[in-house]
């Protein structure tokens, strides 16, 4: 599918497109949260390692 569906597309096509977009959006947010969690964890560990020296 190239681009968003137009008004002439069937309802099923539009619903499938929106569902697919929402799934991609959810996956993007999960990636953001996992990345932030990993970064915060790494900074926490690096900070304590620095304090130990």
PDB file of N, CA and C in Angstrom:
ATOM      1  N   UNK A   1       0.844  -1.182   0.000  1.00  0.00           N
ATOM      2  CA  UNK A   1       0.000   0.000   0.000  1.00  0.00           C
ATOM      3  C   UNK A   1       0.887   1.241   0.000  1.00  0.00           C
ATOM      4  N   UNK A   2       0.573   2.171  -0.860  1.00  0.00           N
ATOM      5  CA  UNK A   2       1.412   3.370  -0.926  1.00  0.00           C
ATOM      6  C   UNK A   2       0.648   4.557  -0.368  1.00  0.00           C
ATOM      7  N   UNK A   3       1.039   4.996   0.804  1.00  0.00           N
ATOM      8  CA  UNK A   3       0.406   6.153   1.413  1.00  0.00           C
ATOM      9  C   UNK A   3      -0.922   5.821   2.065  1.00  0.00           C
ATOM     10  N   UNK A   4      -1.508   6.814   2.695  1.00  0.00           N
ATOM     11  CA  UNK A   4      -2.787   6.589   3.368  1.00  0.00           C
ATOM     12  C   UNK A   4      -3.903   6.330   2.363  1.00  0.00           C
ATOM     13  N   UNK A   5      -4.930   5.592   2.774  1.00  0.00           N
ATOM     14  CA  UNK A   5      -6.033   5.313   1.854  1.00  0.00           C
ATOM     15  C   UNK A   5      -6.830   6.575   1.559  1.00  0.00           C
ATOM     16  N   UNK A   6      -7.361   6.648   0.350  1.00  0.00           N
ATOM     17  CA  UNK A   6      -8.169   7.810  -0.030  1.00  0.00           C
ATOM     18  C   UNK A   6      -9.626   7.549   0.336  1.00  0.00           C
ATOM     19  N   UNK A   7     -10.473   8.534   0.118  1.00  0.00           N
ATOM     20  CA  UNK A   7     -11.887   8.403   0.456  1.00  0.00           C
ATOM     21  C   UNK A   7     -12.602   7.349  -0.357  1.00  0.00           C
ATOM     22  N   UNK A   8     -12.051   6.994  -1.512  1.00  0.00           N
ATOM     23  CA  UNK A   8     -12.720   6.009  -2.373  1.00  0.00           C
ATOM     24  C   UNK A   8     -12.397   4.574  -1.960  1.00  0.00           C
ATOM     25  N   UNK A   9     -11.435   4.389  -1.062  1.00  0.00           N
ATOM     26  CA  UNK A   9     -11.103   3.037  -0.604  1.00  0.00           C
ATOM     27  C   UNK A   9     -12.209   2.499   0.299  1.00  0.00           C
ATOM     28  N   UNK A  10     -12.316   1.185   0.359  1.00  0.00           N
ATOM     29  CA  UNK A  10     -13.341   0.570   1.201  1.00  0.00           C
ATOM     30  C   UNK A  10     -13.009   0.773   2.675  1.00  0.00           C
ATOM     31  N   UNK A  11     -14.030   0.621   3.506  1.00  0.00           N
ATOM     32  CA  UNK A  11     -13.860   0.794   4.947  1.00  0.00           C
ATOM     33  C   UNK A  11     -12.853  -0.210   5.500  1.00  0.00           C
ATOM     34  N   UNK A  12     -12.878  -1.430   4.987  1.00  0.00           N
ATOM     35  CA  UNK A  12     -11.954  -2.468   5.465  1.00  0.00           C
ATOM     36  C   UNK A  12     -10.504  -2.055   5.219  1.00  0.00           C
ATOM     37  N   UNK A  13     -10.254  -1.456   4.065  1.00  0.00           N
ATOM     38  CA  UNK A  13      -8.887  -1.016   3.742  1.00  0.00           C
ATOM     39  C   UNK A  13      -8.452   0.073   4.719  1.00  0.00           C
ATOM     40  N   UNK A  14      -9.353   1.009   4.991  1.00  0.00           N
ATOM     41  CA  UNK A  14      -9.007   2.091   5.924  1.00  0.00           C
ATOM     42  C   UNK A  14      -8.774   1.564   7.330  1.00  0.00           C
ATOM     43  N   UNK A  15      -9.627   0.639   7.781  1.00  0.00           N
ATOM     44  CA  UNK A  15      -9.455   0.081   9.125  1.00  0.00           C
ATOM     45  C   UNK A  15      -8.149  -0.687   9.234  1.00  0.00           C
ATOM     46  N   UNK A  16      -7.812  -1.452   8.195  1.00  0.00           N
ATOM     47  CA  UNK A  16      -6.564  -2.219   8.213  1.00  0.00           C
ATOM     48  C   UNK A  16      -5.370  -1.263   8.260  1.00  0.00           C
ATOM     49  N   UNK A  17      -5.445  -0.179   7.495  1.00  0.00           N
ATOM     50  CA  UNK A  17      -4.366   0.813   7.480  1.00  0.00           C
ATOM     51  C   UNK A  17      -4.188   1.439   8.865  1.00  0.00           C
ATOM     52  N   UNK A  18      -5.313   1.834   9.484  1.00  0.00           N
ATOM     53  CA  UNK A  18      -5.228   2.461  10.806  1.00  0.00           C
ATOM     54  C   UNK A  18      -4.709   1.488  11.849  1.00  0.00           C
ATOM     55  N   UNK A  19      -5.139   0.230  11.770  1.00  0.00           N
ATOM     56  CA  UNK A  19      -4.677  -0.780  12.726  1.00  0.00           C
ATOM     57  C   UNK A  19      -3.174  -0.993  12.559  1.00  0.00           C
ATOM     58  N   UNK A  20      -2.712  -1.047  11.311  1.00  0.00           N
ATOM     59  CA  UNK A  20      -1.284  -1.239  11.031  1.00  0.00           C
ATOM     60  C   UNK A  20      -0.483  -0.050  11.560  1.00  0.00           C
ATOM     61  N   UNK A  21      -0.998   1.163  11.331  1.00  0.00           N
ATOM     62  CA  UNK A  21      -0.291   2.354  11.818  1.00  0.00           C
ATOM     63  C   UNK A  21      -0.220   2.381  13.330  1.00  0.00           C
ATOM     64  N   UNK A  22      -1.310   1.990  13.992  1.00  0.00           N
ATOM     65  CA  UNK A  22      -1.319   1.991  15.455  1.00  0.00           C
ATOM     66  C   UNK A  22      -0.311   0.987  15.987  1.00  0.00           C
ATOM     67  N   UNK A  23      -0.219  -0.180  15.305  1.00  0.00           N
ATOM     68  CA  UNK A  23       0.739  -1.200  15.735  1.00  0.00           C
ATOM     69  C   UNK A  23       2.165  -0.668  15.601  1.00  0.00           C
ATOM     70  N   UNK A  24       2.453   0.012  14.497  1.00  0.00           N
ATOM     71  CA  UNK A  24       3.793   0.590  14.314  1.00  0.00           C
ATOM     72  C   UNK A  24       4.065   1.651  15.372  1.00  0.00           C
ATOM     73  N   UNK A  25       3.060   2.450  15.688  1.00  0.00           N
ATOM     74  CA  UNK A  25       3.204   3.497  16.700  1.00  0.00           C
ATOM     75  C   UNK A  25       3.486   2.881  18.067  1.00  0.00           C
ATOM     76  N   UNK A  26       2.725   1.822  18.418  1.00  0.00           N
ATOM     77  CA  UNK A  26       2.951   1.146  19.702  1.00  0.00           C
ATOM     78  C   UNK A  26       4.362   0.592  19.779  1.00  0.00           C
ATOM     79  N   UNK A  27       4.816  -0.010  18.676  1.00  0.00           N
ATOM     80  CA  UNK A  27       6.165  -0.582  18.656  1.00  0.00           C
ATOM     81  C   UNK A  27       7.205   0.516  18.828  1.00  0.00           C
ATOM     82  N   UNK A  28       6.958   1.665  18.237  1.00  0.00           N
ATOM     83  CA  UNK A  28       7.879   2.790  18.383  1.00  0.00           C
ATOM     84  C   UNK A  28       7.985   3.254  19.821  1.00  0.00           C
ATOM     85  N   UNK A  29       6.824   3.346  20.511  1.00  0.00           N
ATOM     86  CA  UNK A  29       6.838   3.766  21.912  1.00  0.00           C
ATOM     87  C   UNK A  29       7.538   2.749  22.792  1.00  0.00           C
ATOM     88  N   UNK A  30       7.311   1.462  22.517  1.00  0.00           N
ATOM     89  CA  UNK A  30       7.990   0.417  23.297  1.00  0.00           C
ATOM     90  C   UNK A  30       9.497   0.560  23.136  1.00  0.00           C
ATOM     91  N   UNK A  31       9.942   0.802  21.904  1.00  0.00           N
ATOM     92  CA  UNK A  31      11.374   0.976  21.643  1.00  0.00           C
ATOM     93  C   UNK A  31      11.927   2.170  22.415  1.00  0.00           C
ATOM     94  N   UNK A  32      11.176   3.269  22.433  1.00  0.00           N
ATOM     95  CA  UNK A  32      11.614   4.470  23.157  1.00  0.00           C
ATOM     96  C   UNK A  32      11.763   4.173  24.649  1.00  0.00           C
ATOM     97  N   UNK A  33      10.762   3.512  25.242  1.00  0.00           N
ATOM     98  CA  UNK A  33      10.810   3.224  26.680  1.00  0.00           C
ATOM     99  C   UNK A  33      11.932   2.256  27.032  1.00  0.00           C
ATOM    100  N   UNK A  34      12.123   1.234  26.205  1.00  0.00           N
ATOM    101  CA  UNK A  34      13.201   0.273  26.467  1.00  0.00           C
ATOM    102  C   UNK A  34      14.556   0.971  26.377  1.00  0.00           C
ATOM    103  N   UNK A  35      14.717   1.833  25.374  1.00  0.00           N
ATOM    104  CA  UNK A  35      15.974   2.568  25.214  1.00  0.00           C
ATOM    105  C   UNK A  35      16.225   3.482  26.412  1.00  0.00           C
ATOM    106  N   UNK A  36      15.192   4.208  26.835  1.00  0.00           N
ATOM    107  CA  UNK A  36      15.350   5.092  27.997  1.00  0.00           C
ATOM    108  C   UNK A  36      15.680   4.294  29.255  1.00  0.00           C
ATOM    109  N   UNK A  37      15.020   3.162  29.437  1.00  0.00           N
ATOM    110  CA  UNK A  37      15.298   2.320  30.603  1.00  0.00           C
ATOM    111  C   UNK A  37      16.730   1.825  30.607  1.00  0.00           C
ATOM    112  N   UNK A  38      17.204   1.404  29.434  1.00  0.00           N
ATOM    113  CA  UNK A  38      18.581   0.915  29.334  1.00  0.00           C
ATOM    114  C   UNK A  38      19.572   2.049  29.620  1.00  0.00           C
ATOM    115  N   UNK A  39      19.278   3.228  29.102  1.00  0.00           N
ATOM    116  CA  UNK A  39      20.168   4.374  29.306  1.00  0.00           C
ATOM    117  C   UNK A  39      20.224   4.770  30.783  1.00  0.00           C
ATOM    118  N   UNK A  40      19.065   4.838  31.429  1.00  0.00           N
ATOM    119  CA  UNK A  40      19.030   5.196  32.851  1.00  0.00           C
ATOM    120  C   UNK A  40      19.762   4.140  33.679  1.00  0.00           C
ATOM    121  N   UNK A  41      19.538   2.871  33.364  1.00  0.00           N
ATOM    122  CA  UNK A  41      20.225   1.792  34.080  1.00  0.00           C
ATOM    123  C   UNK A  41      21.731   1.878  33.906  1.00  0.00           C
ATOM    124  N   UNK A  42      22.158   2.165  32.682  1.00  0.00           N
ATOM    125  CA  UNK A  42      23.594   2.265  32.408  1.00  0.00           C
ATOM    126  C   UNK A  42      24.200   3.450  33.165  1.00  0.00           C
ATOM    127  N   UNK A  43      23.494   4.579  33.169  1.00  0.00           N
ATOM    128  CA  UNK A  43      24.002   5.751  33.900  1.00  0.00           C
ATOM    129  C   UNK A  43      24.082   5.473  35.400  1.00  0.00           C
ATOM    130  N   UNK A  44      23.098   4.756  35.923  1.00  0.00           N
ATOM    131  CA  UNK A  44      23.075   4.382  37.335  1.00  0.00           C
ATOM    132  C   UNK A  44      24.292   3.526  37.679  1.00  0.00           C
ATOM    133  N   UNK A  45      24.547   2.511  36.851  1.00  0.00           N
ATOM    134  CA  UNK A  45      25.691   1.610  37.075  1.00  0.00           C
ATOM    135  C   UNK A  45      27.006   2.370  36.919  1.00  0.00           C
ATOM    136  N   UNK A  46      27.106   3.185  35.869  1.00  0.00           N
ATOM    137  CA  UNK A  46      28.335   3.946  35.632  1.00  0.00           C
ATOM    138  C   UNK A  46      28.577   4.939  36.772  1.00  0.00           C
ATOM    139  N   UNK A  47      27.512   5.531  37.290  1.00  0.00           N
ATOM    140  CA  UNK A  47      27.647   6.473  38.400  1.00  0.00           C
ATOM    141  C   UNK A  47      28.186   5.801  39.649  1.00  0.00           C
ATOM    142  N   UNK A  48      27.647   4.629  39.975  1.00  0.00           N
ATOM    143  CA  UNK A  48      28.135   3.916  41.155  1.00  0.00           C
ATOM    144  C   UNK A  48      29.555   3.404  40.954  1.00  0.00           C
ATOM    145  N   UNK A  49      29.890   3.008  39.736  1.00  0.00           N
ATOM    146  CA  UNK A  49      31.256   2.564  39.460  1.00  0.00           C
ATOM    147  C   UNK A  49      32.220   3.744  39.632  1.00  0.00           C
ATOM    148  N   UNK A  50      31.784   4.928  39.201  1.00  0.00           N
ATOM    149  CA  UNK A  50      32.611   6.121  39.347  1.00  0.00           C
ATOM    150  C   UNK A  50      32.791   6.506  40.804  1.00  0.00           C
ATOM    151  N   UNK A  51      31.738   6.349  41.604  1.00  0.00           N
ATOM    152  CA  UNK A  51      31.835   6.685  43.029  1.00  0.00           C
ATOM    153  C   UNK A  51      32.734   5.705  43.777  1.00  0.00           C
ATOM    154  N   UNK A  52      32.802   4.477  43.294  1.00  0.00           N
ATOM    155  CA  UNK A  52      33.613   3.459  43.957  1.00  0.00           C
ATOM    156  C   UNK A  52      35.100   3.683  43.783  1.00  0.00           C
ATOM    157  N   UNK A  53      35.475   4.466  42.779  1.00  0.00           N
ATOM    158  CA  UNK A  53      36.909   4.669  42.526  1.00  0.00           C
ATOM    159  C   UNK A  53      37.487   5.737  43.412  1.00  0.00           C
TER     160      UNK A  53
END
